[in-house]
Amino acid sequence: MANRVFGVALKAPGLGDSIKVEMRVSKLDLLFLVRAVDFALGAEIKKDSELLMELSGETREGLLKIRGELLGKAGLSDFYEDLVRVSGG
């Protein structure tokens, strides 16, 4: 049932429209957010993760693009890549 709800909700009109979001976050919070995105996109899709099961390739690429833009605008791209490398993944 939940899979169908997410499937229908993700196909609602206008959800694919681009929007502009302005916000202020700490660099630390941004690093945690990016790590969460990396974890979610790299995670093995499980039966209980309905939202991840509905992600299309286009949506994944869009999230990776957003992730890169956020790191770039915060000046944290190299720092984050170093953290990932040092932590082993």
N, C-alpha and C. Protein backbone atom coordinates (compact mmCIF):
# COMPACT_ATOMS: atom_id res chain seq x y z
N MET A 1 0.83 -1.20 0.00
CA MET A 1 0.00 0.00 0.00
C MET A 1 0.87 1.26 0.00
N ALA A 2 1.88 1.29 0.89
CA ALA A 2 2.74 2.48 0.97
C ALA A 2 3.47 2.73 -0.34
N ASN A 3 3.89 1.65 -1.03
CA ASN A 3 4.56 1.81 -2.32
C ASN A 3 3.67 2.53 -3.31
N ARG A 4 2.40 2.18 -3.33
CA ARG A 4 1.47 2.83 -4.26
C ARG A 4 1.27 4.29 -3.89
N VAL A 5 1.22 4.60 -2.60
CA VAL A 5 1.04 5.98 -2.16
C VAL A 5 2.23 6.83 -2.62
N PHE A 6 3.45 6.33 -2.39
CA PHE A 6 4.62 7.08 -2.84
C PHE A 6 4.64 7.20 -4.35
N GLY A 7 4.31 6.12 -5.04
CA GLY A 7 4.29 6.15 -6.50
C GLY A 7 3.34 7.19 -7.04
N VAL A 8 2.16 7.27 -6.48
CA VAL A 8 1.16 8.27 -6.91
C VAL A 8 1.62 9.68 -6.53
N ALA A 9 2.11 9.84 -5.30
CA ALA A 9 2.53 11.17 -4.84
C ALA A 9 3.68 11.71 -5.68
N LEU A 10 4.60 10.86 -6.08
CA LEU A 10 5.75 11.32 -6.86
C LEU A 10 5.40 11.66 -8.29
N LYS A 11 4.21 11.29 -8.73
CA LYS A 11 3.76 11.60 -10.08
C LYS A 11 2.79 12.78 -10.11
N ALA A 12 2.61 13.44 -8.97
CA ALA A 12 1.68 14.56 -8.90
C ALA A 12 2.15 15.69 -9.82
N PRO A 13 1.22 16.39 -10.44
CA PRO A 13 1.58 17.49 -11.33
C PRO A 13 2.43 18.54 -10.62
N GLY A 14 3.46 18.99 -11.30
CA GLY A 14 4.28 20.07 -10.78
C GLY A 14 5.47 19.65 -9.95
N LEU A 15 5.56 18.39 -9.54
CA LEU A 15 6.68 17.97 -8.70
C LEU A 15 8.00 17.99 -9.45
N GLY A 16 7.97 17.93 -10.75
CA GLY A 16 9.20 17.99 -11.54
C GLY A 16 9.63 19.40 -11.88
N ASP A 17 8.81 20.39 -11.50
CA ASP A 17 9.14 21.78 -11.81
C ASP A 17 10.33 22.26 -10.99
N SER A 18 11.16 23.08 -11.59
CA SER A 18 12.30 23.67 -10.89
C SER A 18 11.83 24.80 -9.99
N ILE A 19 12.46 24.91 -8.83
CA ILE A 19 12.16 25.99 -7.90
C ILE A 19 13.48 26.57 -7.40
N LYS A 20 13.43 27.77 -6.90
CA LYS A 20 14.60 28.40 -6.31
C LYS A 20 14.44 28.35 -4.80
N VAL A 21 15.47 27.88 -4.12
CA VAL A 21 15.43 27.76 -2.67
C VAL A 21 16.59 28.58 -2.10
N GLU A 22 16.26 29.49 -1.22
CA GLU A 22 17.28 30.26 -0.54
C GLU A 22 17.24 29.90 0.94
N MET A 23 18.41 29.55 1.48
CA MET A 23 18.46 29.21 2.89
C MET A 23 19.87 29.42 3.41
N ARG A 24 19.96 29.47 4.71
CA ARG A 24 21.25 29.58 5.36
C ARG A 24 21.43 28.35 6.24
N VAL A 25 22.54 27.65 6.02
CA VAL A 25 22.88 26.49 6.83
C VAL A 25 24.36 26.56 7.17
N SER A 26 24.72 25.93 8.27
CA SER A 26 26.14 25.88 8.62
C SER A 26 26.85 24.92 7.67
N LYS A 27 28.13 25.10 7.54
CA LYS A 27 28.91 24.20 6.68
C LYS A 27 28.86 22.78 7.23
N LEU A 28 28.84 22.65 8.54
CA LEU A 28 28.76 21.32 9.14
C LEU A 28 27.44 20.64 8.78
N ASP A 29 26.33 21.38 8.87
CA ASP A 29 25.03 20.81 8.49
C ASP A 29 25.02 20.42 7.02
N LEU A 30 25.65 21.23 6.19
CA LEU A 30 25.71 20.92 4.76
C LEU A 30 26.50 19.64 4.53
N LEU A 31 27.60 19.46 5.24
CA LEU A 31 28.37 18.23 5.10
C LEU A 31 27.54 17.01 5.50
N PHE A 32 26.79 17.13 6.59
CA PHE A 32 25.92 16.02 7.01
C PHE A 32 24.84 15.75 5.97
N LEU A 33 24.26 16.79 5.40
CA LEU A 33 23.22 16.62 4.39
C LEU A 33 23.77 15.90 3.17
N VAL A 34 24.93 16.34 2.70
CA VAL A 34 25.54 15.72 1.53
C VAL A 34 25.88 14.26 1.82
N ARG A 35 26.38 13.98 3.01
CA ARG A 35 26.70 12.59 3.37
C ARG A 35 25.43 11.73 3.39
N ALA A 36 24.34 12.31 3.88
CA ALA A 36 23.07 11.58 3.90
C ALA A 36 22.60 11.27 2.48
N VAL A 37 22.75 12.23 1.57
CA VAL A 37 22.38 12.01 0.17
C VAL A 37 23.26 10.91 -0.41
N ASP A 38 24.56 10.98 -0.16
CA ASP A 38 25.47 9.96 -0.67
C ASP A 38 25.08 8.58 -0.14
N PHE A 39 24.78 8.51 1.14
CA PHE A 39 24.40 7.24 1.75
C PHE A 39 23.11 6.71 1.13
N ALA A 40 22.12 7.59 0.99
CA ALA A 40 20.83 7.15 0.46
C ALA A 40 20.95 6.69 -0.98
N LEU A 41 21.71 7.40 -1.79
CA LEU A 41 21.83 7.02 -3.19
C LEU A 41 22.70 5.79 -3.37
N GLY A 42 23.61 5.55 -2.43
CA GLY A 42 24.47 4.38 -2.53
C GLY A 42 23.92 3.18 -1.79
N ALA A 43 22.88 3.39 -1.01
CA ALA A 43 22.33 2.32 -0.20
C ALA A 43 21.64 1.28 -1.08
N GLU A 44 21.71 0.06 -0.61
CA GLU A 44 20.97 -1.00 -1.29
C GLU A 44 19.49 -0.74 -1.03
N ILE A 45 18.72 -0.70 -2.07
CA ILE A 45 17.30 -0.40 -1.92
C ILE A 45 16.62 -1.58 -1.24
N LYS A 46 16.00 -1.28 -0.14
CA LYS A 46 15.34 -2.32 0.65
C LYS A 46 13.84 -2.21 0.48
N LYS A 47 13.16 -3.24 0.86
CA LYS A 47 11.70 -3.29 0.71
C LYS A 47 11.01 -2.18 1.48
N ASP A 48 11.59 -1.75 2.61
CA ASP A 48 10.94 -0.75 3.44
C ASP A 48 11.29 0.69 3.04
N SER A 49 12.07 0.88 2.02
CA SER A 49 12.43 2.24 1.60
C SER A 49 11.68 2.60 0.32
N GLU A 50 10.38 2.80 0.45
CA GLU A 50 9.52 3.04 -0.71
C GLU A 50 9.96 4.24 -1.54
N LEU A 51 10.37 5.29 -0.86
CA LEU A 51 10.75 6.50 -1.59
C LEU A 51 11.97 6.22 -2.47
N LEU A 52 12.97 5.53 -1.94
CA LEU A 52 14.16 5.22 -2.74
C LEU A 52 13.83 4.30 -3.90
N MET A 53 12.87 3.42 -3.71
CA MET A 53 12.48 2.51 -4.78
C MET A 53 11.86 3.26 -5.96
N GLU A 54 11.32 4.44 -5.70
CA GLU A 54 10.65 5.22 -6.75
C GLU A 54 11.60 6.16 -7.50
N LEU A 55 12.86 6.28 -7.06
CA LEU A 55 13.79 7.19 -7.70
C LEU A 55 14.14 6.72 -9.11
N SER A 56 14.00 7.60 -10.06
CA SER A 56 14.41 7.29 -11.42
C SER A 56 15.88 7.67 -11.58
N GLY A 57 16.48 7.24 -12.67
CA GLY A 57 17.86 7.61 -12.95
C GLY A 57 18.01 9.11 -13.07
N GLU A 58 17.01 9.75 -13.65
CA GLU A 58 17.03 11.20 -13.82
C GLU A 58 17.00 11.90 -12.46
N THR A 59 16.20 11.39 -11.54
CA THR A 59 16.12 11.97 -10.20
C THR A 59 17.43 11.80 -9.46
N ARG A 60 18.03 10.63 -9.57
CA ARG A 60 19.34 10.39 -8.94
C ARG A 60 20.38 11.38 -9.46
N GLU A 61 20.41 11.55 -10.77
CA GLU A 61 21.37 12.48 -11.36
C GLU A 61 21.10 13.91 -10.89
N GLY A 62 19.83 14.27 -10.77
CA GLY A 62 19.48 15.60 -10.28
C GLY A 62 19.95 15.81 -8.85
N LEU A 63 19.78 14.79 -8.00
CA LEU A 63 20.25 14.89 -6.61
C LEU A 63 21.77 15.01 -6.55
N LEU A 64 22.46 14.27 -7.40
CA LEU A 64 23.92 14.37 -7.43
C LEU A 64 24.37 15.75 -7.90
N LYS A 65 23.63 16.32 -8.84
CA LYS A 65 23.95 17.67 -9.32
C LYS A 65 23.74 18.69 -8.20
N ILE A 66 22.63 18.58 -7.49
CA ILE A 66 22.35 19.48 -6.37
C ILE A 66 23.45 19.35 -5.32
N ARG A 67 23.80 18.11 -5.01
CA ARG A 67 24.86 17.83 -4.04
C ARG A 67 26.15 18.55 -4.44
N GLY A 68 26.53 18.43 -5.70
CA GLY A 68 27.75 19.07 -6.19
C GLY A 68 27.67 20.59 -6.13
N GLU A 69 26.51 21.14 -6.48
CA GLU A 69 26.34 22.59 -6.43
C GLU A 69 26.42 23.11 -5.00
N LEU A 70 25.82 22.38 -4.07
CA LEU A 70 25.87 22.80 -2.67
C LEU A 70 27.30 22.80 -2.15
N LEU A 71 28.03 21.74 -2.42
CA LEU A 71 29.43 21.67 -1.98
C LEU A 71 30.27 22.77 -2.64
N GLY A 72 30.03 22.98 -3.92
CA GLY A 72 30.79 24.01 -4.64
C GLY A 72 30.53 25.41 -4.11
N LYS A 73 29.27 25.75 -3.90
CA LYS A 73 28.92 27.07 -3.40
C LYS A 73 29.45 27.31 -1.99
N ALA A 74 29.55 26.24 -1.21
CA ALA A 74 30.06 26.37 0.16
C ALA A 74 31.59 26.31 0.20
N GLY A 75 32.22 26.04 -0.95
CA GLY A 75 33.67 25.93 -0.99
C GLY A 75 34.17 24.68 -0.27
N LEU A 76 33.35 23.63 -0.28
CA LEU A 76 33.69 22.42 0.47
C LEU A 76 33.93 21.19 -0.40
N SER A 77 33.96 21.35 -1.70
CA SER A 77 34.10 20.20 -2.60
C SER A 77 35.34 19.37 -2.29
N ASP A 78 36.49 20.00 -2.31
CA ASP A 78 37.74 19.28 -2.06
C ASP A 78 37.79 18.74 -0.64
N PHE A 79 37.35 19.54 0.32
CA PHE A 79 37.35 19.13 1.72
C PHE A 79 36.49 17.88 1.91
N TYR A 80 35.30 17.88 1.31
CA TYR A 80 34.41 16.73 1.44
C TYR A 80 35.00 15.49 0.79
N GLU A 81 35.57 15.64 -0.39
CA GLU A 81 36.17 14.50 -1.06
C GLU A 81 37.32 13.93 -0.23
N ASP A 82 38.11 14.82 0.41
CA ASP A 82 39.18 14.36 1.30
C ASP A 82 38.61 13.60 2.48
N LEU A 83 37.52 14.11 3.06
CA LEU A 83 36.89 13.41 4.19
C LEU A 83 36.41 12.02 3.79
N VAL A 84 35.81 11.93 2.64
CA VAL A 84 35.30 10.63 2.16
C VAL A 84 36.46 9.69 1.94
N ARG A 85 37.52 10.18 1.32
CA ARG A 85 38.69 9.34 1.03
C ARG A 85 39.33 8.84 2.33
N VAL A 86 39.52 9.74 3.29
CA VAL A 86 40.15 9.38 4.56
C VAL A 86 39.30 8.40 5.36
N SER A 87 37.97 8.57 5.28
CA SER A 87 37.08 7.71 6.04
C SER A 87 36.88 6.34 5.38
N GLY A 88 37.38 6.20 4.17
CA GLY A 88 37.27 4.92 3.49
C GLY A 88 35.96 4.72 2.75
N GLY A 89 35.30 5.80 2.48
CA GLY A 89 34.07 5.62 1.71
C GLY A 89 33.06 6.57 2.08
